[in-house]
PDB file of N, CA and C in Angstrom:
ATOM      1  N   MET A   1      19.596 -17.077  23.941  1.00  0.00           N
ATOM      2  CA  MET A   1      17.499 -17.002  24.482  1.00  0.00           C
ATOM      3  C   MET A   1      18.004 -15.767  23.030  1.00  0.00           C
ATOM      4  N   TYR A   2      18.812 -14.445  23.108  1.00  0.00           N
ATOM      5  CA  TYR A   2      18.921 -13.439  22.667  1.00  0.00           C
ATOM      6  C   TYR A   2      18.810 -13.678  21.487  1.00  0.00           C
ATOM      7  N   GLU A   3      19.832 -14.450  20.789  1.00  0.00           N
ATOM      8  CA  GLU A   3      19.492 -15.097  19.134  1.00  0.00           C
ATOM      9  C   GLU A   3      17.928 -15.017  19.175  1.00  0.00           C
ATOM     10  N   SER A   4      17.364 -16.105  19.839  1.00  0.00           N
ATOM     11  CA  SER A   4      15.461 -16.299  19.761  1.00  0.00           C
ATOM     12  C   SER A   4      15.229 -15.045  19.708  1.00  0.00           C
ATOM     13  N   ASN A   5      15.359 -13.669  20.358  1.00  0.00           N
ATOM     14  CA  ASN A   5      14.392 -12.683  20.473  1.00  0.00           C
ATOM     15  C   ASN A   5      14.655 -11.865  19.301  1.00  0.00           C
ATOM     16  N   ARG A   6      15.605 -12.195  18.543  1.00  0.00           N
ATOM     17  CA  ARG A   6      16.144 -11.268  17.521  1.00  0.00           C
ATOM     18  C   ARG A   6      15.683 -11.850  16.815  1.00  0.00           C
ATOM     19  N   SER A   7      15.892 -13.078  16.363  1.00  0.00           N
ATOM     20  CA  SER A   7      14.972 -14.008  14.746  1.00  0.00           C
ATOM     21  C   SER A   7      13.410 -13.803  15.113  1.00  0.00           C
ATOM     22  N   LEU A   8      12.382 -13.045  16.274  1.00  0.00           N
ATOM     23  CA  LEU A   8      11.530 -13.723  16.595  1.00  0.00           C
ATOM     24  C   LEU A   8      11.084 -11.958  15.905  1.00  0.00           C
ATOM     25  N   THR A   9      11.839 -10.738  16.601  1.00  0.00           N
ATOM     26  CA  THR A   9      11.880  -9.928  16.276  1.00  0.00           C
ATOM     27  C   THR A   9      11.725  -9.456  14.735  1.00  0.00           C
ATOM     28  N   ALA A  10      12.860  -9.929  13.801  1.00  0.00           N
ATOM     29  CA  ALA A  10      13.024 -10.292  12.432  1.00  0.00           C
ATOM     30  C   ALA A  10      11.446 -10.426  12.134  1.00  0.00           C
ATOM     31  N   ILE A  11      11.437 -11.434  12.390  1.00  0.00           N
ATOM     32  CA  ILE A  11       9.858 -12.448  11.969  1.00  0.00           C
ATOM     33  C   ILE A  11       8.852 -11.221  11.747  1.00  0.00           C
ATOM     34  N   ARG A  12       8.783 -10.973  13.672  1.00  0.00           N
ATOM     35  CA  ARG A  12       6.933  -9.809  13.185  1.00  0.00           C
ATOM     36  C   ARG A  12       7.441  -8.221  12.865  1.00  0.00           C
ATOM     37  N   VAL A  13       9.064  -7.506  11.987  1.00  0.00           N
ATOM     38  CA  VAL A  13       9.192  -6.931  10.693  1.00  0.00           C
ATOM     39  C   VAL A  13       8.223  -7.126   9.965  1.00  0.00           C
ATOM     40  N   THR A  14       8.833  -8.257   9.371  1.00  0.00           N
ATOM     41  CA  THR A  14       8.555  -9.065   7.830  1.00  0.00           C
ATOM     42  C   THR A  14       7.435  -8.877   7.497  1.00  0.00           C
ATOM     43  N   ASN A  15       6.764  -9.309   8.599  1.00  0.00           N
ATOM     44  CA  ASN A  15       5.137  -9.753   8.299  1.00  0.00           C
ATOM     45  C   ASN A  15       4.535  -7.794   8.416  1.00  0.00           C
ATOM     46  N   VAL A  16       4.842  -7.165   8.828  1.00  0.00           N
ATOM     47  CA  VAL A  16       4.307  -5.703   9.022  1.00  0.00           C
ATOM     48  C   VAL A  16       4.677  -5.035   7.872  1.00  0.00           C
ATOM     49  N   ALA A  17       5.843  -5.715   7.028  1.00  0.00           N
ATOM     50  CA  ALA A  17       6.557  -4.997   5.770  1.00  0.00           C
ATOM     51  C   ALA A  17       5.336  -4.576   5.349  1.00  0.00           C
ATOM     52  N   LYS A  18       4.762  -6.558   4.493  1.00  0.00           N
ATOM     53  CA  LYS A  18       3.878  -7.630   4.223  1.00  0.00           C
ATOM     54  C   LYS A  18       2.675  -6.950   4.069  1.00  0.00           C
ATOM     55  N   ALA A  19       2.805  -6.921   4.925  1.00  0.00           N
ATOM     56  CA  ALA A  19       0.813  -6.016   5.852  1.00  0.00           C
ATOM     57  C   ALA A  19       0.825  -4.426   4.945  1.00  0.00           C
ATOM     58  N   GLY A  20       1.522  -4.175   5.435  1.00  0.00           N
ATOM     59  CA  GLY A  20       2.001  -2.072   5.167  1.00  0.00           C
ATOM     60  C   GLY A  20       1.638  -2.555   3.467  1.00  0.00           C
ATOM     61  N   ILE A  21       2.549  -3.514   2.324  1.00  0.00           N
ATOM     62  CA  ILE A  21       2.382  -3.199   1.101  1.00  0.00           C
ATOM     63  C   ILE A  21       1.068  -3.696   0.555  1.00  0.00           C
ATOM     64  N   SER A  22       0.544  -5.097   1.170  1.00  0.00           N
ATOM     65  CA  SER A  22      -0.803  -5.149   0.418  1.00  0.00           C
ATOM     66  C   SER A  22      -1.671  -4.428   1.149  1.00  0.00           C
ATOM     67  N   PHE A  23      -1.494  -3.653   2.252  1.00  0.00           N
ATOM     68  CA  PHE A  23      -2.204  -2.574   2.385  1.00  0.00           C
ATOM     69  C   PHE A  23      -2.348  -1.471   1.362  1.00  0.00           C
ATOM     70  N   GLY A  24      -1.324  -0.720   1.148  1.00  0.00           N
ATOM     71  CA  GLY A  24      -0.858   0.293   0.266  1.00  0.00           C
ATOM     72  C   GLY A  24      -1.468  -0.015  -0.988  1.00  0.00           C
ATOM     73  N   THR A  25      -1.412  -1.397  -1.414  1.00  0.00           N
ATOM     74  CA  THR A  25      -1.246  -2.302  -3.016  1.00  0.00           C
ATOM     75  C   THR A  25      -3.484  -1.752  -2.815  1.00  0.00           C
ATOM     76  N   ALA A  26      -3.704  -2.621  -2.022  1.00  0.00           N
ATOM     77  CA  ALA A  26      -5.746  -2.411  -1.791  1.00  0.00           C
ATOM     78  C   ALA A  26      -6.121  -0.941  -1.713  1.00  0.00           C
ATOM     79  N   LEU A  27      -5.614   0.074  -1.468  1.00  0.00           N
ATOM     80  CA  LEU A  27      -5.872   1.232  -1.004  1.00  0.00           C
ATOM     81  C   LEU A  27      -5.616   1.869  -2.666  1.00  0.00           C
ATOM     82  N   ALA A  28      -4.696   2.087  -2.872  1.00  0.00           N
ATOM     83  CA  ALA A  28      -4.366   2.335  -4.345  1.00  0.00           C
ATOM     84  C   ALA A  28      -5.489   1.606  -5.661  1.00  0.00           C
ATOM     85  N   ILE A  29      -5.814   0.151  -5.405  1.00  0.00           N
ATOM     86  CA  ILE A  29      -6.445   0.084  -6.130  1.00  0.00           C
ATOM     87  C   ILE A  29      -7.762   1.006  -6.274  1.00  0.00           C
ATOM     88  N   THR A  30      -8.464   0.567  -4.820  1.00  0.00           N
ATOM     89  CA  THR A  30      -9.850   1.425  -4.372  1.00  0.00           C
ATOM     90  C   THR A  30      -9.547   2.705  -4.844  1.00  0.00           C
ATOM     91  N   ILE A  31      -8.521   3.564  -4.408  1.00  0.00           N
ATOM     92  CA  ILE A  31      -8.514   4.837  -5.084  1.00  0.00           C
ATOM     93  C   ILE A  31      -8.960   4.629  -6.619  1.00  0.00           C
ATOM     94  N   SER A  32      -8.708   4.012  -7.162  1.00  0.00           N
ATOM     95  CA  SER A  32      -8.118   4.566  -8.204  1.00  0.00           C
ATOM     96  C   SER A  32     -10.016   3.974  -9.456  1.00  0.00           C
ATOM     97  N   TRP A  33      -9.896   2.090  -8.780  1.00  0.00           N
ATOM     98  CA  TRP A  33     -11.129   2.434  -9.175  1.00  0.00           C
ATOM     99  C   TRP A  33     -12.697   3.212  -9.096  1.00  0.00           C
ATOM    100  N   SER A  34     -12.131   3.834  -7.662  1.00  0.00           N
ATOM    101  CA  SER A  34     -13.501   5.371  -7.827  1.00  0.00           C
ATOM    102  C   SER A  34     -13.576   6.184  -8.337  1.00  0.00           C
ATOM    103  N   LEU A  35     -11.885   6.251  -8.907  1.00  0.00           N
ATOM    104  CA  LEU A  35     -12.053   7.161 -10.305  1.00  0.00           C
ATOM    105  C   LEU A  35     -11.816   7.536 -11.217  1.00  0.00           C
ATOM    106  N   ASN A  36     -11.704   6.254 -12.105  1.00  0.00           N
ATOM    107  CA  ASN A  36     -11.828   5.796 -13.229  1.00  0.00           C
ATOM    108  C   ASN A  36     -12.997   5.027 -13.522  1.00  0.00           C
ATOM    109  N   LYS A  37     -13.179   3.925 -13.000  1.00  0.00           N
ATOM    110  CA  LYS A  37     -13.801   2.553 -13.109  1.00  0.00           C
ATOM    111  C   LYS A  37     -13.101   1.458 -13.995  1.00  0.00           C
ATOM    112  N   SER A  38     -11.791   2.144 -14.289  1.00  0.00           N
ATOM    113  CA  SER A  38     -11.177   0.922 -15.176  1.00  0.00           C
ATOM    114  C   SER A  38     -10.198   0.567 -14.578  1.00  0.00           C
ATOM    115  N   VAL A  39     -10.344  -1.273 -14.775  1.00  0.00           N
ATOM    116  CA  VAL A  39      -9.590  -2.346 -14.090  1.00  0.00           C
ATOM    117  C   VAL A  39      -8.653  -2.145 -15.063  1.00  0.00           C
ATOM    118  N   LEU A  40      -7.831  -1.919 -15.588  1.00  0.00           N
ATOM    119  CA  LEU A  40      -6.633  -1.591 -16.409  1.00  0.00           C
ATOM    120  C   LEU A  40      -5.574  -0.559 -15.158  1.00  0.00           C
ATOM    121  N   TRP A  41      -6.402   0.356 -15.479  1.00  0.00           N
ATOM    122  CA  TRP A  41      -5.991   1.781 -14.371  1.00  0.00           C
ATOM    123  C   TRP A  41      -6.051   1.361 -13.134  1.00  0.00           C
ATOM    124  N   ALA A  42      -6.980  -0.102 -12.488  1.00  0.00           N
ATOM    125  CA  ALA A  42      -6.654  -0.395 -11.437  1.00  0.00           C
ATOM    126  C   ALA A  42      -5.520  -1.304 -11.189  1.00  0.00           C
ATOM    127  N   ILE A  43      -5.600  -1.914 -12.242  1.00  0.00           N
ATOM    128  CA  ILE A  43      -4.379  -2.526 -12.502  1.00  0.00           C
ATOM    129  C   ILE A  43      -2.881  -2.291 -11.807  1.00  0.00           C
ATOM    130  N   VAL A  44      -2.850  -1.071 -13.271  1.00  0.00           N
ATOM    131  CA  VAL A  44      -1.490  -0.184 -12.750  1.00  0.00           C
ATOM    132  C   VAL A  44      -1.523   0.273 -11.249  1.00  0.00           C
ATOM    133  N   HIS A  45      -2.350   1.113 -10.866  1.00  0.00           N
ATOM    134  CA  HIS A  45      -1.979   1.979 -10.138  1.00  0.00           C
ATOM    135  C   HIS A  45      -2.044   0.641  -8.785  1.00  0.00           C
ATOM    136  N   GLY A  46      -2.499  -0.248  -8.400  1.00  0.00           N
ATOM    137  CA  GLY A  46      -1.784  -1.722  -7.614  1.00  0.00           C
ATOM    138  C   GLY A  46      -0.452  -2.172  -8.286  1.00  0.00           C
ATOM    139  N   PHE A  47      -0.177  -1.655  -9.300  1.00  0.00           N
ATOM    140  CA  PHE A  47       1.729  -2.107  -9.118  1.00  0.00           C
ATOM    141  C   PHE A  47       2.325  -0.638  -8.290  1.00  0.00           C
ATOM    142  N   LEU A  48       1.630   0.266  -8.690  1.00  0.00           N
ATOM    143  CA  LEU A  48       2.511   1.403  -8.013  1.00  0.00           C
ATOM    144  C   LEU A  48       2.691   1.889  -6.648  1.00  0.00           C
ATOM    145  N   SER A  49       1.474   1.526  -6.315  1.00  0.00           N
ATOM    146  CA  SER A  49       1.255   1.058  -4.625  1.00  0.00           C
ATOM    147  C   SER A  49       1.210   2.620  -3.955  1.00  0.00           C
ATOM    148  N   TRP A  50       2.069   2.864  -3.846  1.00  0.00           N
ATOM    149  CA  TRP A  50       2.290   4.141  -2.468  1.00  0.00           C
ATOM    150  C   TRP A  50       2.033   5.190  -3.110  1.00  0.00           C
ATOM    151  N   ILE A  51       3.118   4.943  -4.162  1.00  0.00           N
ATOM    152  CA  ILE A  51       3.428   5.682  -4.813  1.00  0.00           C
ATOM    153  C   ILE A  51       2.275   7.046  -5.773  1.00  0.00           C
ATOM    154  N   TYR A  52       1.346   5.636  -5.947  1.00  0.00           N
ATOM    155  CA  TYR A  52      -0.213   6.473  -6.434  1.00  0.00           C
ATOM    156  C   TYR A  52      -1.281   7.029  -5.390  1.00  0.00           C
ATOM    157  N   VAL A  53      -1.039   6.272  -3.853  1.00  0.00           N
ATOM    158  CA  VAL A  53      -1.691   6.770  -3.220  1.00  0.00           C
ATOM    159  C   VAL A  53      -1.108   8.319  -2.911  1.00  0.00           C
ATOM    160  N   ILE A  54       0.349   8.127  -2.574  1.00  0.00           N
ATOM    161  CA  ILE A  54       0.446   9.967  -2.373  1.00  0.00           C
ATOM    162  C   ILE A  54       0.354  11.145  -3.836  1.00  0.00           C
ATOM    163  N   TYR A  55       0.880   9.978  -4.563  1.00  0.00           N
ATOM    164  CA  TYR A  55       0.519  11.322  -5.652  1.00  0.00           C
ATOM    165  C   TYR A  55      -1.349  11.776  -5.622  1.00  0.00           C
ATOM    166  N   TYR A  56      -2.488  10.547  -4.987  1.00  0.00           N
ATOM    167  CA  TYR A  56      -3.733  11.042  -5.519  1.00  0.00           C
ATOM    168  C   TYR A  56      -4.262  12.099  -4.039  1.00  0.00           C
ATOM    169  N   VAL A  57      -3.490  11.796  -2.807  1.00  0.00           N
ATOM    170  CA  VAL A  57      -2.951  12.312  -2.256  1.00  0.00           C
ATOM    171  C   VAL A  57      -2.632  14.509  -1.906  1.00  0.00           C
ATOM    172  N   LEU A  58      -1.693  14.036  -3.053  1.00  0.00           N
ATOM    173  CA  LEU A  58      -1.075  15.995  -3.543  1.00  0.00           C
ATOM    174  C   LEU A  58      -2.133  16.123  -4.006  1.00  0.00           C
ATOM    175  N   LYS A  59      -3.067  14.704  -5.096  1.00  0.00           N
ATOM    176  CA  LYS A  59      -3.261  16.090  -6.426  1.00  0.00           C
ATOM    177  C   LYS A  59      -4.925  15.817  -5.950  1.00  0.00           C
ATOM    178  N   TYR A  60      -5.272  15.717  -4.475  1.00  0.00           N
ATOM    179  CA  TYR A  60      -6.784  15.859  -4.168  1.00  0.00           C
ATOM    180  C   TYR A  60      -7.177  15.843  -2.839  1.00  0.00           C
ATOM    181  N   PRO A  61      -6.308  17.438  -2.232  1.00  0.00           N
ATOM    182  CA  PRO A  61      -6.675  17.591  -0.888  1.00  0.00           C
ATOM    183  C   PRO A  61      -7.851  17.438  -1.240  1.00  0.00           C
ATOM    184  N   ALA A  62      -8.068  16.493   1.036  1.00  0.00           N
ATOM    185  CA  ALA A  62      -9.333  16.940   1.635  1.00  0.00           C
ATOM    186  C   ALA A  62     -10.096  17.919   1.650  1.00  0.00           C
ATOM    187  N   GLY A  63     -11.413  17.815   1.273  1.00  0.00           N
ATOM    188  CA  GLY A  63     -11.915  19.234   1.841  1.00  0.00           C
ATOM    189  C   GLY A  63     -12.485  19.540  -0.371  1.00  0.00           C
ATOM    190  N   THR A  64     -11.800  19.132  -1.528  1.00  0.00           N
ATOM    191  CA  THR A  64     -11.465  20.021  -2.149  1.00  0.00           C
ATOM    192  C   THR A  64     -12.413  19.235  -3.215  1.00  0.00           C
TER     193      THR A  64
END
């Protein structure tokens, strides 16, 4: 039973990680498109994912 719970936990962690990566990519593409209106830059920023999102937050703070 302990092994069963452990493997279920591993599956949940994997699913959460996949969801986080997908959301980060979608967020980066959305931000990029709203700023640049360029498919090429949206693809590049999608590959960078969370790195681009963090860069955007630091460069363009809310309210400016």
